[in-house]
Structures are given as C-alpha cells and as structure tokens.
Amino acid sequence: MLFSNIILLLLLNDLLLLAAPGITWLIRLTAFQGILLGSLLFDMEHALLAGAVLGIKGILLPLLLARTYKHIGKREKTHHLNLGVAVVMGMLGLIFSLWLEHNLPLMPDIFPVLLLPAAITTLFCGLILVVGRATALSQVIGYLVAENGIFLLGTPLMAAGAIWFELALLLDIFVAVFVMGIAIGHIGEKFDSIDTARFRSLRD
C-alpha cells in the first residue's frame, strides 16, 4: 500500500512540476520528488541508497538550486510552452506509459505495478521542462527530473547488485549540477538575462 501511494504521489508531482508557475515552485517540487524517491527506496529495503538519494536529491541539490537562484536574483518569464499545454502533454505521456506497461514483453515481475509508468512519465516530464522552459536554471531542473525517471527505471536491477552503479550515477549527477549551478551563477553576474531564447537574436 505504501509503495502504491508513493508512486501516485510521484505521478502527481510530475504534473505539478509541469504546471509550476516559477522557479521557486520548481525547486520545491524537485526537492519533494527527491524525498519521494528516497521513501520509495526505503520501502524497497535499500536503506543505503535511500539515504544517499534523500541527502543528494532531496536536500543538497535543491539547496544548491535555491542558492543559485537567489544569487542571480532575476524575475522574468520562465516558460516558452503554455503551462496548460505542458500538463496535457504530461498526461498523454502518462497514458502512453500505462499502455506500454501492458504491452511491452517484459520479464515477469521485473517491475512492480506502476513503477514503469512512473519512471517513463517522470523522464518524459523532465524532457518537457527542458524544452518548454526558458531559463537555464529551470532547464537544469528539467534535466534533474529526467534523470530521476532514468533512476526509477534502474531500481529493479538493484536486487542484481547494481546498487554501486546507482550510487556512482548519483555522484555524477551531483557533480554535473554543481558545475552547472556555478556556471549559471557566473552567467547571471555577467548578463542581464539568463533566458536561453535570447540566443536566437545573436548576429555575426
């Protein structure tokens, strides 16, 4: 029962991310998603990895993102794609993932019920955030959400001894986002805007 409730909260969190009006809410929902992932791993009896996920995805990365956003200190349009359209696309992705769960020829019992749709939906919603959001920081958050989907896809392999691969992946993601946070901070210091759409106006 707890497992199913966490999965449903993850799916709801995905849709709320697509509907988030600004970066502050994106950061909060990303932190909540990290907490849900850690709780899911605790329920699956992977205590070591659960602690790492809670620490990195639920606390450290959101704090880094919040600090970077505060350092930039800019308030501007944060999305190219209409939020309603983004949510509809996320719901379509969820429907498609549910269809895949019942039609893919997977090994019996390799994925607990609803884990595969949650993973694919999270990955898809992350990609929508990357494409549909305007600022570099919000796109970094989309990248994190997409990685969370990939992480969920790998959870059934943990029983086969893949936990160290997942821990290494967590470290790689932490380092990557740390570097991106620093880079975005420096961009914010040098330029008036971090809206990626403005690159289109560059001329030779």
Protein backbone atom coordinates (compact mmCIF):
# COMPACT_ATOMS: atom_id res chain seq x y z
CA MET A 1 0.00 0.00 0.00
CA LEU A 2 2.79 2.45 0.91
CA PHE A 3 4.59 1.68 -2.37
CA SER A 4 1.46 2.44 -4.43
CA ASN A 5 0.82 5.68 -2.54
CA ILE A 6 4.39 6.88 -3.18
CA ILE A 7 4.08 6.06 -6.89
CA LEU A 8 0.82 8.01 -7.13
CA LEU A 9 2.43 10.99 -5.37
CA LEU A 10 5.33 10.81 -7.83
CA LEU A 11 2.93 10.95 -10.77
CA LEU A 12 1.06 13.88 -9.22
CA ASN A 13 4.37 15.62 -8.54
CA ASP A 14 5.33 15.23 -12.22
CA LEU A 15 2.18 17.03 -13.36
CA LEU A 16 2.60 19.74 -10.73
CA LEU A 17 6.14 20.35 -12.00
CA LEU A 18 4.76 21.00 -15.47
CA ALA A 19 2.19 23.42 -14.02
CA ALA A 20 4.66 25.23 -11.72
CA PRO A 21 4.49 28.99 -12.45
CA GLY A 22 8.06 29.85 -11.42
CA ILE A 23 11.47 28.54 -10.46
CA THR A 24 10.78 28.68 -6.71
CA TRP A 25 7.98 26.14 -7.08
CA LEU A 26 10.09 24.04 -9.46
CA ILE A 27 12.82 23.80 -6.82
CA ARG A 28 10.35 22.87 -4.07
CA LEU A 29 8.69 20.19 -6.18
CA THR A 30 12.08 18.82 -7.23
CA ALA A 31 13.05 18.52 -3.56
CA PHE A 32 9.77 16.74 -2.81
CA GLN A 33 10.42 14.36 -5.69
CA GLY A 34 13.82 13.52 -4.18
CA ILE A 35 12.13 12.80 -0.84
CA LEU A 36 9.61 10.54 -2.56
CA LEU A 37 12.38 8.64 -4.35
CA GLY A 38 14.19 8.11 -1.06
CA SER A 39 10.98 6.93 0.60
CA LEU A 40 10.37 4.52 -2.27
CA LEU A 41 13.83 3.01 -1.85
CA PHE A 42 13.30 2.66 1.92
CA ASP A 43 10.10 0.78 1.18
CA MET A 44 12.08 -1.47 -1.21
CA GLU A 45 14.62 -2.12 1.60
CA HIS A 46 17.55 -0.29 0.00
CA ALA A 47 18.46 1.78 3.05
CA LEU A 48 21.96 2.85 1.93
CA LEU A 49 20.84 4.15 -1.45
CA ALA A 50 17.71 5.67 0.09
CA GLY A 51 19.85 7.74 2.44
CA ALA A 52 22.06 8.89 -0.44
CA VAL A 53 19.02 9.86 -2.53
CA LEU A 54 17.42 11.79 0.34
CA GLY A 55 20.66 13.62 1.05
CA ILE A 56 21.54 14.48 -2.55
CA LYS A 57 18.24 14.74 -4.43
CA GLY A 58 16.05 15.81 -1.52
CA ILE A 59 18.36 18.28 0.24
CA LEU A 60 21.73 19.16 -1.36
CA LEU A 61 20.66 19.72 -4.97
CA PRO A 62 17.54 21.77 -4.10
CA LEU A 63 19.62 23.91 -1.72
CA LEU A 64 22.20 24.47 -4.47
CA LEU A 65 19.47 25.41 -6.95
CA ALA A 66 17.82 27.76 -4.46
CA ARG A 67 21.15 29.40 -3.64
CA THR A 68 21.92 29.86 -7.33
CA TYR A 69 18.50 31.37 -7.98
CA LYS A 70 18.86 33.73 -5.04
CA HIS A 71 22.33 34.73 -6.25
CA ILE A 72 21.01 35.50 -9.74
CA GLY A 73 18.12 37.45 -8.25
CA LYS A 74 16.19 37.89 -11.51
CA ARG A 75 12.45 37.59 -12.11
CA GLU A 76 11.49 37.02 -15.73
CA LYS A 77 9.41 34.80 -17.97
CA THR A 78 10.25 31.19 -17.18
CA HIS A 79 8.49 29.22 -19.90
CA HIS A 80 8.12 29.07 -23.68
CA LEU A 81 5.39 26.42 -23.62
CA ASN A 82 1.93 27.23 -22.25
CA LEU A 83 1.58 25.58 -18.83
CA GLY A 84 -1.80 24.05 -19.68
CA VAL A 85 -0.38 22.52 -22.84
CA ALA A 86 2.58 21.17 -20.87
CA VAL A 87 0.27 19.47 -18.34
CA VAL A 88 -1.82 17.92 -21.14
CA MET A 89 1.37 16.60 -22.73
CA GLY A 90 2.38 15.13 -19.38
CA MET A 91 -0.99 13.40 -19.04
CA LEU A 92 -0.66 12.00 -22.54
CA GLY A 93 2.79 10.73 -21.58
CA LEU A 94 1.27 9.03 -18.53
CA ILE A 95 -1.43 7.36 -20.66
CA PHE A 96 1.21 6.17 -23.12
CA SER A 97 3.38 4.78 -20.31
CA LEU A 98 0.39 2.88 -18.87
CA TRP A 99 -0.19 1.42 -22.32
CA LEU A 100 3.46 0.40 -22.53
CA GLU A 101 3.28 -1.37 -19.17
CA HIS A 102 0.58 -3.68 -20.52
CA ASN A 103 2.08 -4.23 -23.97
CA LEU A 104 5.86 -4.46 -23.54
CA PRO A 105 7.17 -8.06 -23.44
CA LEU A 106 8.97 -7.70 -20.10
CA MET A 107 10.24 -10.45 -17.84
CA PRO A 108 7.58 -11.45 -15.27
CA ASP A 109 7.66 -9.40 -12.05
CA ILE A 110 10.72 -7.36 -13.07
CA PHE A 111 8.81 -4.10 -12.47
CA PRO A 112 6.39 -3.65 -9.55
CA VAL A 113 2.96 -2.39 -10.58
CA LEU A 114 3.01 1.25 -11.80
CA LEU A 115 6.80 1.62 -11.39
CA LEU A 116 7.44 1.55 -15.15
CA PRO A 117 4.72 4.15 -15.95
CA ALA A 118 6.02 6.37 -13.13
CA ALA A 119 9.59 6.14 -14.45
CA ILE A 120 8.65 6.85 -18.08
CA THR A 121 6.29 9.68 -17.11
CA THR A 122 8.96 11.30 -14.93
CA LEU A 123 11.51 11.04 -17.74
CA PHE A 124 9.03 12.50 -20.24
CA CYS A 125 8.03 15.38 -17.93
CA GLY A 126 11.72 16.20 -17.38
CA LEU A 127 12.23 16.45 -21.13
CA ILE A 128 9.15 18.71 -21.42
CA LEU A 129 10.68 21.00 -18.78
CA VAL A 130 13.99 21.12 -20.66
CA VAL A 131 12.29 22.04 -23.93
CA GLY A 132 9.42 24.13 -22.61
CA ARG A 133 11.16 26.31 -20.02
CA ALA A 134 13.01 29.50 -20.88
CA THR A 135 15.78 29.95 -18.32
CA ALA A 136 18.93 27.89 -17.93
CA LEU A 137 18.17 27.16 -14.27
CA SER A 138 14.70 25.79 -14.99
CA GLN A 139 16.21 23.61 -17.74
CA VAL A 140 18.73 22.25 -15.24
CA ILE A 141 15.75 21.28 -13.07
CA GLY A 142 14.20 19.54 -16.08
CA TYR A 143 17.44 17.63 -16.55
CA LEU A 144 17.30 16.52 -12.90
CA VAL A 145 13.68 15.37 -13.25
CA ALA A 146 14.55 13.38 -16.39
CA GLU A 147 17.44 11.75 -14.53
CA ASN A 148 15.04 10.80 -11.75
CA GLY A 149 12.99 8.93 -14.35
CA ILE A 150 16.09 7.07 -15.54
CA PHE A 151 16.92 6.32 -11.91
CA LEU A 152 13.47 4.79 -11.38
CA LEU A 153 13.96 2.59 -14.45
CA GLY A 154 17.12 1.20 -12.83
CA THR A 155 15.62 0.38 -9.44
CA PRO A 156 14.52 -3.19 -10.35
CA LEU A 157 18.18 -4.03 -11.14
CA MET A 158 19.29 -3.26 -7.59
CA ALA A 159 18.45 -6.76 -6.49
CA ALA A 160 21.01 -7.97 -9.03
CA GLY A 161 23.79 -5.94 -7.40
CA ALA A 162 23.53 -2.71 -9.39
CA ILE A 163 23.43 -0.50 -6.29
CA TRP A 164 27.02 0.72 -6.75
CA PHE A 165 26.22 1.76 -10.30
CA GLU A 166 23.29 3.80 -8.97
CA LEU A 167 25.48 5.41 -6.29
CA ALA A 168 28.06 6.34 -8.93
CA LEU A 169 25.29 7.81 -11.08
CA LEU A 170 24.09 9.89 -8.13
CA LEU A 171 27.59 11.28 -7.66
CA ASP A 172 27.90 12.10 -11.37
CA ILE A 173 24.59 13.94 -11.34
CA PHE A 174 25.55 15.87 -8.20
CA VAL A 175 28.85 16.99 -9.73
CA ALA A 176 27.18 17.91 -13.03
CA VAL A 177 24.51 20.05 -11.38
CA PHE A 178 27.08 21.61 -9.05
CA VAL A 179 29.12 22.71 -12.07
CA MET A 180 26.00 23.94 -13.89
CA GLY A 181 24.95 25.90 -10.81
CA ILE A 182 28.29 27.67 -10.71
CA ALA A 183 28.15 28.35 -14.45
CA ILE A 184 24.63 29.78 -14.26
CA GLY A 185 25.69 31.97 -11.33
CA HIS A 186 28.54 33.43 -13.37
CA ILE A 187 26.24 33.96 -16.36
CA GLY A 188 23.84 35.84 -14.10
CA GLU A 189 26.67 38.10 -12.95
CA LYS A 190 27.80 38.96 -16.47
CA PHE A 191 24.50 39.26 -18.34
CA ASP A 192 21.15 40.92 -17.66
CA SER A 193 19.15 37.79 -18.55
CA ILE A 194 19.57 34.01 -18.48
CA ASP A 195 16.65 33.45 -20.87
CA THR A 196 18.02 30.94 -23.40
CA ALA A 197 15.63 32.19 -26.10
CA ARG A 198 17.68 35.37 -26.42
CA PHE A 199 20.48 33.42 -28.07
CA ARG A 200 18.30 33.46 -31.18
CA SER A 201 18.82 37.18 -31.51
CA LEU A 202 22.61 36.89 -31.76
CA ARG A 203 24.11 38.02 -35.05
CA ASP A 204 27.58 37.58 -36.56
